[in-house]
Amino acid sequence: MSDRVESSYVGVDLSKGRLDVAFRPTGGHYRFSNDPNGIDALVCRLAKEHPALVVLEASGGYERPAAAALAASGLAVAVVNPCQARDFAKATGRLAKSDALDAESLARFAEALRPEPVRRRIWAHVRWLEKEISRTAGELKGAIEGSPTRRENEALLRSVPGVGPVLARTLLAELPELGTLSHKHLSALVGVAPFNFDSGTLRGKRMVWGGRSRVRSTLYMASLTATPHNPLIIRAFYERVVAAGKPRKVALVACMRKLLSILNAVVRDRVPWSPTHVLSP
């Protein structure tokens, strides 16, 4: 039996940094950060509540990621004009203003007026994005298959367990130096090499920064995948770093460097990966 509560309405007041959420008629107020982690937490929370309608106020674009995520999860979402929301608040005698009160006012707006959800429009946009992603992927595949060198390099990169088409093609496009530099210089170029940061209370600390962010973010996700799928090198290396007392995040960055070193060696040596592949400086 469904636990959907048709009489539950939610108002979400947005700013650049946070999301204030109020429920009607049950009451309750929650706060999330307006970033991917916070939006994921909001979606999980509302997925449990199954509200009949979620109302957000248009806030110069800050509402778009949250509205899209909520609609994609199957929730009914309406984005309303701020003037309508303010006029409704005044009409109900709510002159005081705060993030929590604004969220509650939006929940009352949802309960009383029940504006039309925008789910259909958002889904149409999602489908368009999916088509664009598919089209771009096809163009990338064609560009790689049309070049013997790129085709060979992709095959070499994908011979490493845990390396899929996204990382391989990102490296081909964004890191043409792969296979031509030392592991140390390549790590610095990507932004995964630790540097001393002797400033104030951070003396003795080592940090990574700079470099090519698109390569680094893709390498991060690939390292998460390679940790369980490459047990002979990446997972064993990760476990040794953690066992040595390093935080898991530090261990994962070390795995990123290790994976980058393996990929660099594979392209440099023109030999597919194997468990016996030797890493030289």
C-alpha atoms as a PDB file:
ATOM      1  CA  MET A   1       0.000   0.000   0.000  1.00  0.00           C
ATOM      2  CA  SER A   2       1.328   3.476  -0.874  1.00  0.00           C
ATOM      3  CA  ASP A   3       2.218   5.776   2.010  1.00  0.00           C
ATOM      4  CA  ARG A   4       1.626   8.886  -0.106  1.00  0.00           C
ATOM      5  CA  VAL A   5      -0.009  11.670   1.881  1.00  0.00           C
ATOM      6  CA  GLU A   6      -2.028  13.760  -0.545  1.00  0.00           C
ATOM      7  CA  SER A   7      -2.649  16.527   1.995  1.00  0.00           C
ATOM      8  CA  SER A   8       1.060  17.224   2.558  1.00  0.00           C
ATOM      9  CA  TYR A   9       2.463  20.370   0.931  1.00  0.00           C
ATOM     10  CA  VAL A  10       6.024  21.655   0.947  1.00  0.00           C
ATOM     11  CA  GLY A  11       7.487  25.118   0.518  1.00  0.00           C
ATOM     12  CA  VAL A  12      11.165  25.621  -0.277  1.00  0.00           C
ATOM     13  CA  ASP A  13      12.756  29.034   0.216  1.00  0.00           C
ATOM     14  CA  LEU A  14      16.039  29.311  -1.697  1.00  0.00           C
ATOM     15  CA  SER A  15      19.157  31.390  -1.538  1.00  0.00           C
ATOM     16  CA  LYS A  16      22.544  30.924  -3.147  1.00  0.00           C
ATOM     17  CA  GLY A  17      23.815  28.910  -0.200  1.00  0.00           C
ATOM     18  CA  ARG A  18      20.867  27.107   1.383  1.00  0.00           C
ATOM     19  CA  LEU A  19      17.393  25.648   1.140  1.00  0.00           C
ATOM     20  CA  ASP A  20      14.792  26.197   3.881  1.00  0.00           C
ATOM     21  CA  VAL A  21      11.980  23.656   3.756  1.00  0.00           C
ATOM     22  CA  ALA A  22       8.582  23.815   5.505  1.00  0.00           C
ATOM     23  CA  PHE A  23       5.701  21.320   5.593  1.00  0.00           C
ATOM     24  CA  ARG A  24       1.944  21.918   5.705  1.00  0.00           C
ATOM     25  CA  PRO A  25      -0.264  21.102   7.441  1.00  0.00           C
ATOM     26  CA  THR A  26       1.922  18.929   9.647  1.00  0.00           C
ATOM     27  CA  GLY A  27       4.475  21.641  10.341  1.00  0.00           C
ATOM     28  CA  GLY A  28       8.198  21.075  10.550  1.00  0.00           C
ATOM     29  CA  HIS A  29      11.192  22.965   9.206  1.00  0.00           C
ATOM     30  CA  TYR A  30      14.434  21.657   7.726  1.00  0.00           C
ATOM     31  CA  ARG A  31      17.501  23.304   6.246  1.00  0.00           C
ATOM     32  CA  PHE A  32      19.838  21.974   3.547  1.00  0.00           C
ATOM     33  CA  SER A  33      22.780  23.444   1.667  1.00  0.00           C
ATOM     34  CA  ASN A  34      21.999  24.568  -1.881  1.00  0.00           C
ATOM     35  CA  ASP A  35      24.638  22.370  -3.489  1.00  0.00           C
ATOM     36  CA  PRO A  36      24.615  18.839  -4.948  1.00  0.00           C
ATOM     37  CA  ASN A  37      24.941  17.166  -1.529  1.00  0.00           C
ATOM     38  CA  GLY A  38      22.216  19.293   0.025  1.00  0.00           C
ATOM     39  CA  ILE A  39      19.890  18.820  -2.929  1.00  0.00           C
ATOM     40  CA  ASP A  40      20.407  15.049  -2.766  1.00  0.00           C
ATOM     41  CA  ALA A  41      19.537  15.130   0.940  1.00  0.00           C
ATOM     42  CA  LEU A  42      16.403  17.189   0.186  1.00  0.00           C
ATOM     43  CA  VAL A  43      15.290  14.734  -2.506  1.00  0.00           C
ATOM     44  CA  CYS A  44      15.807  11.784  -0.133  1.00  0.00           C
ATOM     45  CA  ARG A  45      13.817  13.538   2.590  1.00  0.00           C
ATOM     46  CA  LEU A  46      10.882  14.409   0.336  1.00  0.00           C
ATOM     47  CA  ALA A  47      10.909  10.995  -1.317  1.00  0.00           C
ATOM     48  CA  LYS A  48      10.059   9.572   2.113  1.00  0.00           C
ATOM     49  CA  GLU A  49       7.305  12.149   2.733  1.00  0.00           C
ATOM     50  CA  HIS A  50       5.642  11.850  -0.709  1.00  0.00           C
ATOM     51  CA  PRO A  51       4.106  15.375  -0.648  1.00  0.00           C
ATOM     52  CA  ALA A  52       1.295  16.221  -3.037  1.00  0.00           C
ATOM     53  CA  LEU A  53       3.117  19.353  -4.217  1.00  0.00           C
ATOM     54  CA  VAL A  54       6.435  21.147  -3.688  1.00  0.00           C
ATOM     55  CA  VAL A  55       6.509  24.894  -4.342  1.00  0.00           C
ATOM     56  CA  LEU A  56       9.696  26.864  -4.926  1.00  0.00           C
ATOM     57  CA  GLU A  57      10.041  30.561  -5.604  1.00  0.00           C
ATOM     58  CA  ALA A  58      11.940  31.652  -8.729  1.00  0.00           C
ATOM     59  CA  SER A  59      15.213  33.043  -7.367  1.00  0.00           C
ATOM     60  CA  GLY A  60      17.329  34.169 -10.268  1.00  0.00           C
ATOM     61  CA  GLY A  61      18.281  30.645 -11.289  1.00  0.00           C
ATOM     62  CA  TYR A  62      19.263  29.370  -7.825  1.00  0.00           C
ATOM     63  CA  GLU A  63      16.103  27.250  -7.824  1.00  0.00           C
ATOM     64  CA  ARG A  64      16.840  25.367 -11.053  1.00  0.00           C
ATOM     65  CA  PRO A  65      19.088  22.526  -9.770  1.00  0.00           C
ATOM     66  CA  ALA A  66      16.737  21.753  -6.874  1.00  0.00           C
ATOM     67  CA  ALA A  67      13.601  21.967  -9.028  1.00  0.00           C
ATOM     68  CA  ALA A  68      15.116  19.718 -11.702  1.00  0.00           C
ATOM     69  CA  ALA A  69      16.292  17.141  -9.149  1.00  0.00           C
ATOM     70  CA  LEU A  70      12.916  17.043  -7.394  1.00  0.00           C
ATOM     71  CA  ALA A  71      11.011  16.707 -10.669  1.00  0.00           C
ATOM     72  CA  ALA A  72      13.402  14.007 -11.905  1.00  0.00           C
ATOM     73  CA  SER A  73      12.680  12.016  -8.738  1.00  0.00           C
ATOM     74  CA  GLY A  74       8.976  11.968  -9.637  1.00  0.00           C
ATOM     75  CA  LEU A  75       7.750  14.686  -7.260  1.00  0.00           C
ATOM     76  CA  ALA A  76       5.218  17.317  -8.351  1.00  0.00           C
ATOM     77  CA  VAL A  77       7.058  20.658  -8.404  1.00  0.00           C
ATOM     78  CA  ALA A  78       5.862  24.198  -9.122  1.00  0.00           C
ATOM     79  CA  VAL A  79       8.122  27.232  -9.474  1.00  0.00           C
ATOM     80  CA  VAL A  80       6.133  30.384  -8.733  1.00  0.00           C
ATOM     81  CA  ASN A  81       6.636  34.069  -9.387  1.00  0.00           C
ATOM     82  CA  PRO A  82       8.103  35.860  -6.312  1.00  0.00           C
ATOM     83  CA  CYS A  83       5.479  38.622  -6.619  1.00  0.00           C
ATOM     84  CA  GLN A  84       2.685  36.040  -6.329  1.00  0.00           C
ATOM     85  CA  ALA A  85       4.308  34.535  -3.243  1.00  0.00           C
ATOM     86  CA  ARG A  86       4.778  37.940  -1.575  1.00  0.00           C
ATOM     87  CA  ASP A  87       1.216  39.048  -2.369  1.00  0.00           C
ATOM     88  CA  PHE A  88      -0.110  35.812  -0.884  1.00  0.00           C
ATOM     89  CA  ALA A  89       1.942  36.311   2.279  1.00  0.00           C
ATOM     90  CA  LYS A  90       0.611  39.868   2.689  1.00  0.00           C
ATOM     91  CA  ALA A  91      -2.952  38.724   2.043  1.00  0.00           C
ATOM     92  CA  THR A  92      -2.663  36.175   4.851  1.00  0.00           C
ATOM     93  CA  GLY A  93      -1.296  38.793   7.257  1.00  0.00           C
ATOM     94  CA  ARG A  94       2.315  37.535   7.276  1.00  0.00           C
ATOM     95  CA  LEU A  95       4.437  40.665   7.273  1.00  0.00           C
ATOM     96  CA  ALA A  96       7.459  39.335   9.171  1.00  0.00           C
ATOM     97  CA  LYS A  97      10.231  37.897   7.029  1.00  0.00           C
ATOM     98  CA  SER A  98      12.823  35.199   7.563  1.00  0.00           C
ATOM     99  CA  ASP A  99      13.944  32.182   5.588  1.00  0.00           C
ATOM    100  CA  ALA A 100      11.923  29.815   7.768  1.00  0.00           C
ATOM    101  CA  LEU A 101       8.807  32.023   7.578  1.00  0.00           C
ATOM    102  CA  ASP A 102       9.176  32.395   3.816  1.00  0.00           C
ATOM    103  CA  ALA A 103       9.350  28.614   3.439  1.00  0.00           C
ATOM    104  CA  GLU A 104       6.222  28.221   5.573  1.00  0.00           C
ATOM    105  CA  SER A 105       4.438  30.871   3.520  1.00  0.00           C
ATOM    106  CA  LEU A 106       5.307  28.977   0.329  1.00  0.00           C
ATOM    107  CA  ALA A 107       3.953  25.773   1.875  1.00  0.00           C
ATOM    108  CA  ARG A 108       0.691  27.616   2.691  1.00  0.00           C
ATOM    109  CA  PHE A 109       0.655  28.960  -0.870  1.00  0.00           C
ATOM    110  CA  ALA A 110       0.968  25.386  -2.180  1.00  0.00           C
ATOM    111  CA  GLU A 111      -1.792  24.152   0.126  1.00  0.00           C
ATOM    112  CA  ALA A 112      -4.226  26.957  -0.682  1.00  0.00           C
ATOM    113  CA  LEU A 113      -3.661  27.642  -4.393  1.00  0.00           C
ATOM    114  CA  ARG A 114      -2.121  24.394  -5.672  1.00  0.00           C
ATOM    115  CA  PRO A 115      -0.290  25.862  -8.696  1.00  0.00           C
ATOM    116  CA  GLU A 116       0.266  23.665 -11.736  1.00  0.00           C
ATOM    117  CA  PRO A 117       3.418  21.530 -11.448  1.00  0.00           C
ATOM    118  CA  VAL A 118       6.192  22.143 -14.006  1.00  0.00           C
ATOM    119  CA  ARG A 119       7.223  18.492 -14.130  1.00  0.00           C
ATOM    120  CA  ARG A 120       6.253  18.123 -17.803  1.00  0.00           C
ATOM    121  CA  ARG A 121       8.434  21.040 -18.886  1.00  0.00           C
ATOM    122  CA  ILE A 122      11.396  19.841 -16.835  1.00  0.00           C
ATOM    123  CA  TRP A 123      11.106  16.305 -18.204  1.00  0.00           C
ATOM    124  CA  ALA A 124      11.088  17.726 -21.727  1.00  0.00           C
ATOM    125  CA  HIS A 125      14.320  19.558 -20.898  1.00  0.00           C
ATOM    126  CA  VAL A 126      15.813  16.399 -19.387  1.00  0.00           C
ATOM    127  CA  ARG A 127      14.992  14.454 -22.551  1.00  0.00           C
ATOM    128  CA  TRP A 128      16.622  17.192 -24.653  1.00  0.00           C
ATOM    129  CA  LEU A 129      19.754  17.024 -22.478  1.00  0.00           C
ATOM    130  CA  GLU A 130      19.856  13.247 -22.827  1.00  0.00           C
ATOM    131  CA  LYS A 131      19.675  13.574 -26.617  1.00  0.00           C
ATOM    132  CA  GLU A 132      22.473  16.149 -26.581  1.00  0.00           C
ATOM    133  CA  ILE A 133      24.633  13.875 -24.418  1.00  0.00           C
ATOM    134  CA  SER A 134      23.977  10.968 -26.771  1.00  0.00           C
ATOM    135  CA  ARG A 135      24.784  13.118 -29.812  1.00  0.00           C
ATOM    136  CA  THR A 136      28.020  14.395 -28.263  1.00  0.00           C
ATOM    137  CA  ALA A 137      29.052  10.876 -27.255  1.00  0.00           C
ATOM    138  CA  GLY A 138      28.481   9.741 -30.830  1.00  0.00           C
ATOM    139  CA  GLU A 139      30.625  12.578 -32.182  1.00  0.00           C
ATOM    140  CA  LEU A 140      33.419  11.718 -29.749  1.00  0.00           C
ATOM    141  CA  LYS A 141      33.267   8.066 -30.701  1.00  0.00           C
ATOM    142  CA  GLY A 142      33.433   8.978 -34.380  1.00  0.00           C
ATOM    143  CA  ALA A 143      36.412  11.292 -33.842  1.00  0.00           C
ATOM    144  CA  ILE A 144      38.305   8.561 -31.992  1.00  0.00           C
ATOM    145  CA  GLU A 145      37.468   5.799 -34.450  1.00  0.00           C
ATOM    146  CA  GLY A 146      38.501   8.053 -37.339  1.00  0.00           C
ATOM    147  CA  SER A 147      42.049   8.378 -35.997  1.00  0.00           C
ATOM    148  CA  PRO A 148      44.285   5.285 -35.695  1.00  0.00           C
ATOM    149  CA  THR A 149      46.420   6.977 -33.027  1.00  0.00           C
ATOM    150  CA  ARG A 150      43.483   8.040 -30.869  1.00  0.00           C
ATOM    151  CA  ARG A 151      41.852   4.633 -31.337  1.00  0.00           C
ATOM    152  CA  GLU A 152      45.022   2.859 -30.180  1.00  0.00           C
ATOM    153  CA  ASN A 153      45.477   5.220 -27.224  1.00  0.00           C
ATOM    154  CA  GLU A 154      41.889   4.686 -26.066  1.00  0.00           C
ATOM    155  CA  ALA A 155      42.370   0.910 -26.251  1.00  0.00           C
ATOM    156  CA  LEU A 156      45.539   1.198 -24.160  1.00  0.00           C
ATOM    157  CA  LEU A 157      43.845   3.358 -21.522  1.00  0.00           C
ATOM    158  CA  ARG A 158      40.789   1.114 -21.308  1.00  0.00           C
ATOM    159  CA  SER A 159      42.985  -1.947 -20.796  1.00  0.00           C
ATOM    160  CA  VAL A 160      43.410  -0.725 -17.200  1.00  0.00           C
ATOM    161  CA  PRO A 161      40.659  -2.179 -14.943  1.00  0.00           C
ATOM    162  CA  GLY A 162      38.229   0.491 -13.776  1.00  0.00           C
ATOM    163  CA  VAL A 163      38.923   2.843 -16.707  1.00  0.00           C
ATOM    164  CA  GLY A 164      35.861   3.442 -18.865  1.00  0.00           C
ATOM    165  CA  PRO A 165      35.133   5.587 -21.920  1.00  0.00           C
ATOM    166  CA  VAL A 166      34.542   8.791 -19.943  1.00  0.00           C
ATOM    167  CA  LEU A 167      37.998   8.877 -18.335  1.00  0.00           C
ATOM    168  CA  ALA A 168      39.751   7.587 -21.465  1.00  0.00           C
ATOM    169  CA  ARG A 169      38.186  10.236 -23.701  1.00  0.00           C
ATOM    170  CA  THR A 170      38.681  12.998 -21.135  1.00  0.00           C
ATOM    171  CA  LEU A 171      42.388  12.176 -21.018  1.00  0.00           C
ATOM    172  CA  LEU A 172      42.643  12.067 -24.796  1.00  0.00           C
ATOM    173  CA  ALA A 173      41.006  15.494 -25.089  1.00  0.00           C
ATOM    174  CA  GLU A 174      42.296  17.295 -22.012  1.00  0.00           C
ATOM    175  CA  LEU A 175      45.693  15.721 -21.318  1.00  0.00           C
ATOM    176  CA  PRO A 176      47.643  15.287 -24.586  1.00  0.00           C
ATOM    177  CA  GLU A 177      50.883  15.245 -22.533  1.00  0.00           C
ATOM    178  CA  LEU A 178      49.981  11.765 -21.225  1.00  0.00           C
ATOM    179  CA  GLY A 179      52.823   9.353 -21.928  1.00  0.00           C
ATOM    180  CA  THR A 180      55.393  12.104 -22.545  1.00  0.00           C
ATOM    181  CA  LEU A 181      56.069  13.427 -19.020  1.00  0.00           C
ATOM    182  CA  SER A 182      57.382  11.924 -15.803  1.00  0.00           C
ATOM    183  CA  HIS A 183      54.767  10.820 -13.276  1.00  0.00           C
ATOM    184  CA  LYS A 184      55.765  13.658 -10.938  1.00  0.00           C
ATOM    185  CA  HIS A 185      55.360  16.361 -13.574  1.00  0.00           C
ATOM    186  CA  LEU A 186      52.105  14.873 -14.848  1.00  0.00           C
ATOM    187  CA  SER A 187      50.632  14.773 -11.306  1.00  0.00           C
ATOM    188  CA  ALA A 188      51.506  18.443 -10.863  1.00  0.00           C
ATOM    189  CA  LEU A 189      49.978  19.284 -14.244  1.00  0.00           C
ATOM    190  CA  VAL A 190      46.677  17.597 -13.322  1.00  0.00           C
ATOM    191  CA  GLY A 191      46.677  18.997  -9.794  1.00  0.00           C
ATOM    192  CA  VAL A 192      47.018  15.824  -7.706  1.00  0.00           C
ATOM    193  CA  ALA A 193      50.612  16.335  -6.543  1.00  0.00           C
ATOM    194  CA  PRO A 194      50.916  17.292  -2.857  1.00  0.00           C
ATOM    195  CA  PHE A 195      52.692  20.579  -2.132  1.00  0.00           C
ATOM    196  CA  ASN A 196      53.890  21.991   1.175  1.00  0.00           C
ATOM    197  CA  PHE A 197      51.530  24.575   2.633  1.00  0.00           C
ATOM    198  CA  ASP A 198      53.448  26.266   5.454  1.00  0.00           C
ATOM    199  CA  SER A 199      51.172  29.115   6.432  1.00  0.00           C
ATOM    200  CA  GLY A 200      49.812  29.977   9.874  1.00  0.00           C
ATOM    201  CA  THR A 201      48.347  26.970  11.652  1.00  0.00           C
ATOM    202  CA  LEU A 202      48.737  24.813   8.524  1.00  0.00           C
ATOM    203  CA  ARG A 203      52.506  24.403   8.834  1.00  0.00           C
ATOM    204  CA  GLY A 204      53.658  20.929   7.957  1.00  0.00           C
ATOM    205  CA  LYS A 205      50.516  20.214   5.932  1.00  0.00           C
ATOM    206  CA  ARG A 206      50.580  19.099   2.310  1.00  0.00           C
ATOM    207  CA  MET A 207      47.795  20.025  -0.068  1.00  0.00           C
ATOM    208  CA  VAL A 208      46.798  19.566  -3.716  1.00  0.00           C
ATOM    209  CA  TRP A 209      45.410  22.394  -5.783  1.00  0.00           C
ATOM    210  CA  GLY A 210      45.349  23.904  -9.251  1.00  0.00           C
ATOM    211  CA  GLY A 211      45.816  21.880 -12.392  1.00  0.00           C
ATOM    212  CA  ARG A 212      43.207  20.758 -14.886  1.00  0.00           C
ATOM    213  CA  SER A 213      39.960  20.489 -12.985  1.00  0.00           C
ATOM    214  CA  ARG A 214      38.035  18.477 -15.594  1.00  0.00           C
ATOM    215  CA  VAL A 215      40.740  15.825 -15.694  1.00  0.00           C
ATOM    216  CA  ARG A 216      41.005  15.794 -11.900  1.00  0.00           C
ATOM    217  CA  SER A 217      37.265  15.424 -11.275  1.00  0.00           C
ATOM    218  CA  THR A 218      36.956  12.617 -13.839  1.00  0.00           C
ATOM    219  CA  LEU A 219      40.035  10.901 -12.405  1.00  0.00           C
ATOM    220  CA  TYR A 220      38.463  11.118  -8.937  1.00  0.00           C
ATOM    221  CA  MET A 221      35.344   9.241 -10.045  1.00  0.00           C
ATOM    222  CA  ALA A 222      37.443   6.698 -11.929  1.00  0.00           C
ATOM    223  CA  SER A 223      39.555   6.074  -8.824  1.00  0.00           C
ATOM    224  CA  LEU A 224      36.404   5.317  -6.843  1.00  0.00           C
ATOM    225  CA  THR A 225      35.583   2.708  -9.484  1.00  0.00           C
ATOM    226  CA  ALA A 226      39.112   1.356  -9.803  1.00  0.00           C
ATOM    227  CA  THR A 227      39.471   0.798  -6.050  1.00  0.00           C
ATOM    228  CA  PRO A 228      37.164  -2.286  -6.085  1.00  0.00           C
ATOM    229  CA  HIS A 229      37.835  -3.274  -9.728  1.00  0.00           C
ATOM    230  CA  ASN A 230      41.635  -3.186  -9.667  1.00  0.00           C
ATOM    231  CA  PRO A 231      42.392  -5.148  -6.488  1.00  0.00           C
ATOM    232  CA  LEU A 232      45.945  -6.036  -7.452  1.00  0.00           C
ATOM    233  CA  ILE A 233      47.185  -2.435  -7.465  1.00  0.00           C
ATOM    234  CA  ILE A 234      44.669   0.319  -6.684  1.00  0.00           C
ATOM    235  CA  ARG A 235      42.679  -1.362  -3.893  1.00  0.00           C
ATOM    236  CA  ALA A 236      45.779  -2.859  -2.298  1.00  0.00           C
ATOM    237  CA  PHE A 237      47.489   0.547  -2.474  1.00  0.00           C
ATOM    238  CA  TYR A 238      44.420   2.263  -0.964  1.00  0.00           C
ATOM    239  CA  GLU A 239      44.290  -0.224   1.910  1.00  0.00           C
ATOM    240  CA  ARG A 240      48.000   0.239   2.655  1.00  0.00           C
ATOM    241  CA  VAL A 241      47.644   4.033   2.814  1.00  0.00           C
ATOM    242  CA  VAL A 242      44.617   3.787   5.129  1.00  0.00           C
ATOM    243  CA  ALA A 243      46.394   1.195   7.300  1.00  0.00           C
ATOM    244  CA  ALA A 244      49.292   3.648   7.629  1.00  0.00           C
ATOM    245  CA  GLY A 245      46.911   6.043   9.393  1.00  0.00           C
ATOM    246  CA  LYS A 246      46.072   8.410   6.550  1.00  0.00           C
ATOM    247  CA  PRO A 247      42.499   9.734   6.175  1.00  0.00           C
ATOM    248  CA  ARG A 248      40.428   8.011   3.501  1.00  0.00           C
ATOM    249  CA  LYS A 249      40.232  11.164   1.407  1.00  0.00           C
ATOM    250  CA  VAL A 250      44.019  11.430   1.407  1.00  0.00           C
ATOM    251  CA  ALA A 251      44.207   7.750   0.447  1.00  0.00           C
ATOM    252  CA  LEU A 252      41.832   8.324  -2.459  1.00  0.00           C
ATOM    253  CA  VAL A 253      43.913  11.237  -3.782  1.00  0.00           C
ATOM    254  CA  ALA A 254      46.966   8.968  -3.547  1.00  0.00           C
ATOM    255  CA  CYS A 255      45.030   6.408  -5.617  1.00  0.00           C
ATOM    256  CA  MET A 256      44.342   9.112  -8.187  1.00  0.00           C
ATOM    257  CA  ARG A 257      48.080   9.688  -8.513  1.00  0.00           C
ATOM    258  CA  LYS A 258      48.715   5.940  -8.710  1.00  0.00           C
ATOM    259  CA  LEU A 259      46.076   5.450 -11.419  1.00  0.00           C
ATOM    260  CA  LEU A 260      47.414   8.431 -13.378  1.00  0.00           C
ATOM    261  CA  SER A 261      50.925   6.955 -13.150  1.00  0.00           C
ATOM    262  CA  ILE A 262      49.691   3.605 -14.472  1.00  0.00           C
ATOM    263  CA  LEU A 263      47.886   5.278 -17.376  1.00  0.00           C
ATOM    264  CA  ASN A 264      50.941   7.388 -18.152  1.00  0.00           C
ATOM    265  CA  ALA A 265      53.147   4.282 -18.238  1.00  0.00           C
ATOM    266  CA  VAL A 266      50.708   2.338 -20.406  1.00  0.00           C
ATOM    267  CA  VAL A 267      50.599   5.097 -23.041  1.00  0.00           C
ATOM    268  CA  ARG A 268      54.348   5.704 -22.819  1.00  0.00           C
ATOM    269  CA  ASP A 269      55.280   2.039 -23.223  1.00  0.00           C
ATOM    270  CA  ARG A 270      52.561   1.323 -25.838  1.00  0.00           C
ATOM    271  CA  VAL A 271      51.738  -1.911 -23.999  1.00  0.00           C
ATOM    272  CA  PRO A 272      48.279  -2.821 -22.589  1.00  0.00           C
ATOM    273  CA  TRP A 273      48.066  -2.987 -18.822  1.00  0.00           C
ATOM    274  CA  SER A 274      48.927  -6.195 -17.023  1.00  0.00           C
ATOM    275  CA  PRO A 275      49.479  -6.982 -13.301  1.00  0.00           C
ATOM    276  CA  THR A 276      53.222  -7.025 -13.956  1.00  0.00           C
ATOM    277  CA  HIS A 277      53.348  -3.587 -15.560  1.00  0.00           C
ATOM    278  CA  VAL A 278      56.407  -1.777 -14.177  1.00  0.00           C
ATOM    279  CA  LEU A 279      56.230   1.897 -13.306  1.00  0.00           C
ATOM    280  CA  SER A 280      59.460   3.739 -14.038  1.00  0.00           C
ATOM    281  CA  PRO A 281      60.174   7.400 -13.205  1.00  0.00           C
END
